[in-house]
Amino acid sequence: MRIGVVSDTHDRGETVAEAVRLLLEHHVELVLHCGDIESVETVRLFKPVPTQFVWGNWDKDRAKLAAAIKDVGGTHHDSFGAIELAGRRIAWVHSHERHQLRQLEHADFFDYVFYGHTHVREQHRTGKTLVANPGALFRANPKTCIVLDLLTGEIKPVIVPVPAKSPPPPPPAAEMTNDPPMTHQ
């Protein structure tokens, strides 16, 4: 089984849609969102894949977000989520409350702990626990998420290309006529 992990989507619709497309291309069966969703529109982009969310510090209207998550068949957790899949214990948190990340990381209970908030992709091991930040889909270069293969334990970073912005249209050309130029006499 493969799961995707994203964080800090911050209402960036085009980038989130591309990340979801890439995660589906990697055959993920579940996405864990580490918080800072920000909008109902962003939640709706996760409809194609079962997704579980935790709240981040920018998730202000939690009632509306929770309703949208329910509408797309997702699940929301408050400050952290925990599940067991394929015999692996997994937790995820936003990490703006640093003590919570440290507690999960040092509990010697989880196989994986994922976190967001910093917008920086990294991973390290604390005892038996692999701790990883998937990066962010906003204010990060490159924009990244990750895919975890629960059978092999491999974590693969996925770079999400930023949609190219169209150049502005050229200014309108001066109207051209076939009339000869006017001369003053």
C-alpha atoms as a PDB file:
ATOM      1  CA  MET A   1       0.000   0.000   0.000  1.00  0.00           C
ATOM      2  CA  ARG A   2       1.186   3.513  -0.826  1.00  0.00           C
ATOM      3  CA  ILE A   3       0.143   6.678   0.944  1.00  0.00           C
ATOM      4  CA  GLY A   4       0.765  10.285   0.020  1.00  0.00           C
ATOM      5  CA  VAL A   5       1.672  12.961   2.546  1.00  0.00           C
ATOM      6  CA  VAL A   6       1.137  16.678   1.900  1.00  0.00           C
ATOM      7  CA  SER A   7       1.286  19.807   4.009  1.00  0.00           C
ATOM      8  CA  ASP A   8       0.876  23.549   3.880  1.00  0.00           C
ATOM      9  CA  THR A   9      -1.347  23.708   0.815  1.00  0.00           C
ATOM     10  CA  HIS A  10      -2.508  27.214   1.828  1.00  0.00           C
ATOM     11  CA  ASP A  11      -5.343  27.477  -0.690  1.00  0.00           C
ATOM     12  CA  ARG A  12      -3.109  27.117  -3.771  1.00  0.00           C
ATOM     13  CA  GLY A  13      -5.633  25.371  -6.022  1.00  0.00           C
ATOM     14  CA  GLU A  14      -3.594  24.766  -9.177  1.00  0.00           C
ATOM     15  CA  THR A  15      -0.605  23.426  -7.263  1.00  0.00           C
ATOM     16  CA  VAL A  16      -2.798  21.236  -5.038  1.00  0.00           C
ATOM     17  CA  ALA A  17      -4.658  19.825  -8.067  1.00  0.00           C
ATOM     18  CA  GLU A  18      -1.321  18.939  -9.672  1.00  0.00           C
ATOM     19  CA  ALA A  19      -0.079  17.325  -6.450  1.00  0.00           C
ATOM     20  CA  VAL A  20      -3.240  15.191  -6.194  1.00  0.00           C
ATOM     21  CA  ARG A  21      -2.846  14.181  -9.847  1.00  0.00           C
ATOM     22  CA  LEU A  22       0.787  13.167  -9.268  1.00  0.00           C
ATOM     23  CA  LEU A  23      -0.078  11.232  -6.107  1.00  0.00           C
ATOM     24  CA  LEU A  24      -2.757   9.303  -7.993  1.00  0.00           C
ATOM     25  CA  GLU A  25      -0.207   8.641 -10.733  1.00  0.00           C
ATOM     26  CA  HIS A  26       1.942   7.056  -7.989  1.00  0.00           C
ATOM     27  CA  HIS A  27      -1.051   4.849  -7.062  1.00  0.00           C
ATOM     28  CA  VAL A  28      -1.556   6.150  -3.541  1.00  0.00           C
ATOM     29  CA  GLU A  29      -4.598   4.757  -1.742  1.00  0.00           C
ATOM     30  CA  LEU A  30      -4.694   7.394   0.992  1.00  0.00           C
ATOM     31  CA  VAL A  31      -3.419  10.928   1.563  1.00  0.00           C
ATOM     32  CA  LEU A  32      -2.462  12.371   4.946  1.00  0.00           C
ATOM     33  CA  HIS A  33      -2.631  16.168   5.082  1.00  0.00           C
ATOM     34  CA  CYS A  34      -0.433  17.753   7.774  1.00  0.00           C
ATOM     35  CA  GLY A  35      -2.441  20.977   8.041  1.00  0.00           C
ATOM     36  CA  ASP A  36      -2.732  24.541   6.772  1.00  0.00           C
ATOM     37  CA  ILE A  37      -5.477  23.690   4.301  1.00  0.00           C
ATOM     38  CA  GLU A  38      -7.137  27.116   4.580  1.00  0.00           C
ATOM     39  CA  SER A  39     -10.183  26.767   2.303  1.00  0.00           C
ATOM     40  CA  VAL A  40     -13.149  24.598   1.414  1.00  0.00           C
ATOM     41  CA  GLU A  41     -12.087  24.801  -2.256  1.00  0.00           C
ATOM     42  CA  THR A  42      -8.751  23.193  -1.381  1.00  0.00           C
ATOM     43  CA  VAL A  43     -10.489  20.366   0.496  1.00  0.00           C
ATOM     44  CA  ARG A  44     -12.629  19.624  -2.587  1.00  0.00           C
ATOM     45  CA  LEU A  45      -9.495  18.998  -4.662  1.00  0.00           C
ATOM     46  CA  PHE A  46      -8.807  15.889  -2.542  1.00  0.00           C
ATOM     47  CA  LYS A  47     -12.123  14.240  -3.501  1.00  0.00           C
ATOM     48  CA  PRO A  48     -10.483  11.728  -5.908  1.00  0.00           C
ATOM     49  CA  VAL A  49      -8.509  10.053  -3.086  1.00  0.00           C
ATOM     50  CA  PRO A  50      -9.394   9.231   0.529  1.00  0.00           C
ATOM     51  CA  THR A  51      -7.737  11.911   2.663  1.00  0.00           C
ATOM     52  CA  GLN A  52      -7.293  12.445   6.381  1.00  0.00           C
ATOM     53  CA  PHE A  53      -6.553  15.969   7.589  1.00  0.00           C
ATOM     54  CA  VAL A  54      -5.185  17.601  10.740  1.00  0.00           C
ATOM     55  CA  TRP A  55      -5.579  21.284  11.536  1.00  0.00           C
ATOM     56  CA  GLY A  56      -2.782  23.791  11.099  1.00  0.00           C
ATOM     57  CA  ASN A  57      -2.440  27.286  12.505  1.00  0.00           C
ATOM     58  CA  TRP A  58      -3.953  28.843   9.338  1.00  0.00           C
ATOM     59  CA  ASP A  59      -7.073  26.637   9.393  1.00  0.00           C
ATOM     60  CA  LYS A  60      -9.326  29.281  10.918  1.00  0.00           C
ATOM     61  CA  ASP A  61     -12.883  28.291   9.892  1.00  0.00           C
ATOM     62  CA  ARG A  62     -12.732  24.713  11.118  1.00  0.00           C
ATOM     63  CA  ALA A  63     -16.501  24.153  11.038  1.00  0.00           C
ATOM     64  CA  LYS A  64     -16.658  24.899   7.302  1.00  0.00           C
ATOM     65  CA  LEU A  65     -13.503  22.877   6.632  1.00  0.00           C
ATOM     66  CA  ALA A  66     -14.859  19.919   8.630  1.00  0.00           C
ATOM     67  CA  ALA A  67     -18.135  20.005   6.662  1.00  0.00           C
ATOM     68  CA  ALA A  68     -16.227  20.093   3.358  1.00  0.00           C
ATOM     69  CA  ILE A  69     -13.995  17.206   4.481  1.00  0.00           C
ATOM     70  CA  LYS A  70     -17.086  15.163   5.337  1.00  0.00           C
ATOM     71  CA  ASP A  71     -18.632  16.048   1.944  1.00  0.00           C
ATOM     72  CA  VAL A  72     -15.623  14.631   0.056  1.00  0.00           C
ATOM     73  CA  GLY A  73     -15.559  11.472   2.164  1.00  0.00           C
ATOM     74  CA  GLY A  74     -12.476  12.503   4.128  1.00  0.00           C
ATOM     75  CA  THR A  75     -11.699  12.471   7.828  1.00  0.00           C
ATOM     76  CA  HIS A  76     -10.442  15.290  10.023  1.00  0.00           C
ATOM     77  CA  HIS A  77      -8.588  15.087  13.300  1.00  0.00           C
ATOM     78  CA  ASP A  78      -7.883  17.947  15.645  1.00  0.00           C
ATOM     79  CA  SER A  79      -4.218  18.554  16.368  1.00  0.00           C
ATOM     80  CA  PHE A  80      -2.844  15.162  15.316  1.00  0.00           C
ATOM     81  CA  GLY A  81      -3.935  11.992  13.602  1.00  0.00           C
ATOM     82  CA  ALA A  82      -2.871   8.403  14.213  1.00  0.00           C
ATOM     83  CA  ILE A  83      -3.653   5.254  12.258  1.00  0.00           C
ATOM     84  CA  GLU A  84      -2.311   1.771  11.762  1.00  0.00           C
ATOM     85  CA  LEU A  85      -1.916   0.528   8.190  1.00  0.00           C
ATOM     86  CA  ALA A  86      -0.210  -2.640   6.964  1.00  0.00           C
ATOM     87  CA  GLY A  87       1.045  -3.253  10.505  1.00  0.00           C
ATOM     88  CA  ARG A  88       2.710   0.192  10.681  1.00  0.00           C
ATOM     89  CA  ARG A  89       1.797   2.873  13.209  1.00  0.00           C
ATOM     90  CA  ILE A  90       1.608   6.313  11.654  1.00  0.00           C
ATOM     91  CA  ALA A  91       1.016   9.733  13.217  1.00  0.00           C
ATOM     92  CA  TRP A  92       0.865  13.158  11.618  1.00  0.00           C
ATOM     93  CA  VAL A  93       0.678  16.658  13.010  1.00  0.00           C
ATOM     94  CA  HIS A  94       1.068  20.225  11.798  1.00  0.00           C
ATOM     95  CA  SER A  95       3.808  20.941  14.386  1.00  0.00           C
ATOM     96  CA  HIS A  96       3.108  24.583  15.144  1.00  0.00           C
ATOM     97  CA  GLU A  97       2.771  23.225  18.677  1.00  0.00           C
ATOM     98  CA  ARG A  98       6.363  21.965  18.879  1.00  0.00           C
ATOM     99  CA  HIS A  99       5.887  19.953  22.091  1.00  0.00           C
ATOM    100  CA  GLN A 100       3.367  17.733  20.339  1.00  0.00           C
ATOM    101  CA  LEU A 101       5.777  16.795  17.549  1.00  0.00           C
ATOM    102  CA  ARG A 102       8.499  16.045  20.117  1.00  0.00           C
ATOM    103  CA  GLN A 103       6.128  13.834  22.126  1.00  0.00           C
ATOM    104  CA  LEU A 104       5.094  11.834  19.058  1.00  0.00           C
ATOM    105  CA  GLU A 105       8.680  11.589  17.828  1.00  0.00           C
ATOM    106  CA  HIS A 106      10.058  10.353  21.163  1.00  0.00           C
ATOM    107  CA  ALA A 107       7.151   8.067  22.139  1.00  0.00           C
ATOM    108  CA  ASP A 108       8.960   5.024  20.716  1.00  0.00           C
ATOM    109  CA  PHE A 109       5.523   3.895  19.546  1.00  0.00           C
ATOM    110  CA  PHE A 110       5.132   5.093  15.958  1.00  0.00           C
ATOM    111  CA  ASP A 111       6.925   3.745  12.924  1.00  0.00           C
ATOM    112  CA  TYR A 112       6.360   7.037  11.063  1.00  0.00           C
ATOM    113  CA  VAL A 113       5.619  10.583  12.209  1.00  0.00           C
ATOM    114  CA  PHE A 114       4.883  13.199   9.554  1.00  0.00           C
ATOM    115  CA  TYR A 115       4.696  16.927  10.195  1.00  0.00           C
ATOM    116  CA  GLY A 116       4.313  20.260   8.420  1.00  0.00           C
ATOM    117  CA  HIS A 117       4.450  23.964   9.318  1.00  0.00           C
ATOM    118  CA  THR A 118       8.107  24.645   8.420  1.00  0.00           C
ATOM    119  CA  HIS A 119       7.605  24.387   4.623  1.00  0.00           C
ATOM    120  CA  VAL A 120      10.931  22.513   4.470  1.00  0.00           C
ATOM    121  CA  ARG A 121      11.245  18.906   3.286  1.00  0.00           C
ATOM    122  CA  GLU A 122      13.395  16.792   5.607  1.00  0.00           C
ATOM    123  CA  GLN A 123      13.527  13.412   7.267  1.00  0.00           C
ATOM    124  CA  HIS A 124      15.443  11.827  10.105  1.00  0.00           C
ATOM    125  CA  ARG A 125      15.203   8.895  12.460  1.00  0.00           C
ATOM    126  CA  THR A 126      14.613   9.078  16.207  1.00  0.00           C
ATOM    127  CA  GLY A 127      14.904   5.586  17.655  1.00  0.00           C
ATOM    128  CA  LYS A 128      12.525   3.337  15.725  1.00  0.00           C
ATOM    129  CA  THR A 129      10.556   6.292  14.318  1.00  0.00           C
ATOM    130  CA  LEU A 130      11.150   7.774  10.884  1.00  0.00           C
ATOM    131  CA  VAL A 131      10.181  11.451  11.138  1.00  0.00           C
ATOM    132  CA  ALA A 132       9.519  13.318   7.886  1.00  0.00           C
ATOM    133  CA  ASN A 133       8.241  16.641   6.647  1.00  0.00           C
ATOM    134  CA  PRO A 134       6.841  16.337   3.101  1.00  0.00           C
ATOM    135  CA  GLY A 135       7.694  19.951   2.329  1.00  0.00           C
ATOM    136  CA  ALA A 136       4.985  22.361   1.226  1.00  0.00           C
ATOM    137  CA  LEU A 137       2.870  23.321  -1.758  1.00  0.00           C
ATOM    138  CA  PHE A 138       3.212  27.028  -0.910  1.00  0.00           C
ATOM    139  CA  ARG A 139       6.264  29.160  -0.136  1.00  0.00           C
ATOM    140  CA  ALA A 140       8.647  26.325  -0.882  1.00  0.00           C
ATOM    141  CA  ASN A 141      11.129  25.828  -3.678  1.00  0.00           C
ATOM    142  CA  PRO A 142      10.691  23.216  -4.937  1.00  0.00           C
ATOM    143  CA  LYS A 143       7.119  22.437  -3.946  1.00  0.00           C
ATOM    144  CA  THR A 144       7.019  18.851  -2.694  1.00  0.00           C
ATOM    145  CA  CYS A 145       4.960  16.070  -1.199  1.00  0.00           C
ATOM    146  CA  ILE A 146       5.981  12.480  -0.502  1.00  0.00           C
ATOM    147  CA  VAL A 147       4.854   8.935  -1.228  1.00  0.00           C
ATOM    148  CA  LEU A 148       5.408   6.217   1.369  1.00  0.00           C
ATOM    149  CA  ASP A 149       5.376   2.597   0.243  1.00  0.00           C
ATOM    150  CA  LEU A 150       4.311   0.748   3.386  1.00  0.00           C
ATOM    151  CA  LEU A 151       5.532  -2.622   2.070  1.00  0.00           C
ATOM    152  CA  THR A 152       9.110  -1.520   1.330  1.00  0.00           C
ATOM    153  CA  GLY A 153       9.365   1.460   3.709  1.00  0.00           C
ATOM    154  CA  GLU A 154      10.621   3.630   0.832  1.00  0.00           C
ATOM    155  CA  ILE A 155       9.788   7.334   1.016  1.00  0.00           C
ATOM    156  CA  LYS A 156       9.877   9.046  -2.343  1.00  0.00           C
ATOM    157  CA  PRO A 157       9.794  12.845  -2.640  1.00  0.00           C
ATOM    158  CA  VAL A 158       7.555  14.130  -5.416  1.00  0.00           C
ATOM    159  CA  ILE A 159       8.347  17.518  -6.911  1.00  0.00           C
ATOM    160  CA  VAL A 160       5.186  19.363  -7.900  1.00  0.00           C
ATOM    161  CA  PRO A 161       5.799  21.672 -10.852  1.00  0.00           C
ATOM    162  CA  VAL A 162       4.365  25.134 -10.518  1.00  0.00           C
ATOM    163  CA  PRO A 163       1.860  25.862 -13.281  1.00  0.00           C
ATOM    164  CA  ALA A 164       3.424  28.275 -15.741  1.00  0.00           C
ATOM    165  CA  LYS A 165       1.902  31.695 -15.742  1.00  0.00           C
ATOM    166  CA  SER A 166       0.837  33.005 -19.131  1.00  0.00           C
ATOM    167  CA  PRO A 167       2.685  36.107 -20.203  1.00  0.00           C
ATOM    168  CA  PRO A 168       0.525  39.210 -20.291  1.00  0.00           C
ATOM    169  CA  PRO A 169      -1.013  39.930 -23.680  1.00  0.00           C
ATOM    170  CA  PRO A 170       0.813  42.483 -25.806  1.00  0.00           C
ATOM    171  CA  PRO A 171      -0.624  45.980 -25.762  1.00  0.00           C
ATOM    172  CA  PRO A 172      -3.099  46.611 -28.568  1.00  0.00           C
ATOM    173  CA  ALA A 173      -1.421  47.744 -31.755  1.00  0.00           C
ATOM    174  CA  ALA A 174      -2.206  51.231 -32.944  1.00  0.00           C
ATOM    175  CA  GLU A 175      -4.993  51.153 -35.445  1.00  0.00           C
ATOM    176  CA  MET A 176      -3.626  51.055 -38.908  1.00  0.00           C
ATOM    177  CA  THR A 177      -5.332  52.750 -41.823  1.00  0.00           C
ATOM    178  CA  ASN A 178      -4.544  53.050 -45.474  1.00  0.00           C
ATOM    179  CA  ASP A 179      -5.068  56.808 -45.375  1.00  0.00           C
ATOM    180  CA  PRO A 180      -2.025  58.880 -46.296  1.00  0.00           C
ATOM    181  CA  PRO A 181      -0.508  60.856 -43.451  1.00  0.00           C
ATOM    182  CA  MET A 182      -1.993  64.299 -43.002  1.00  0.00           C
ATOM    183  CA  THR A 183       0.184  67.240 -43.811  1.00  0.00           C
ATOM    184  CA  HIS A 184      -0.392  70.797 -42.731  1.00  0.00           C
ATOM    185  CA  GLN A 185       0.003  73.524 -45.242  1.00  0.00           C
END
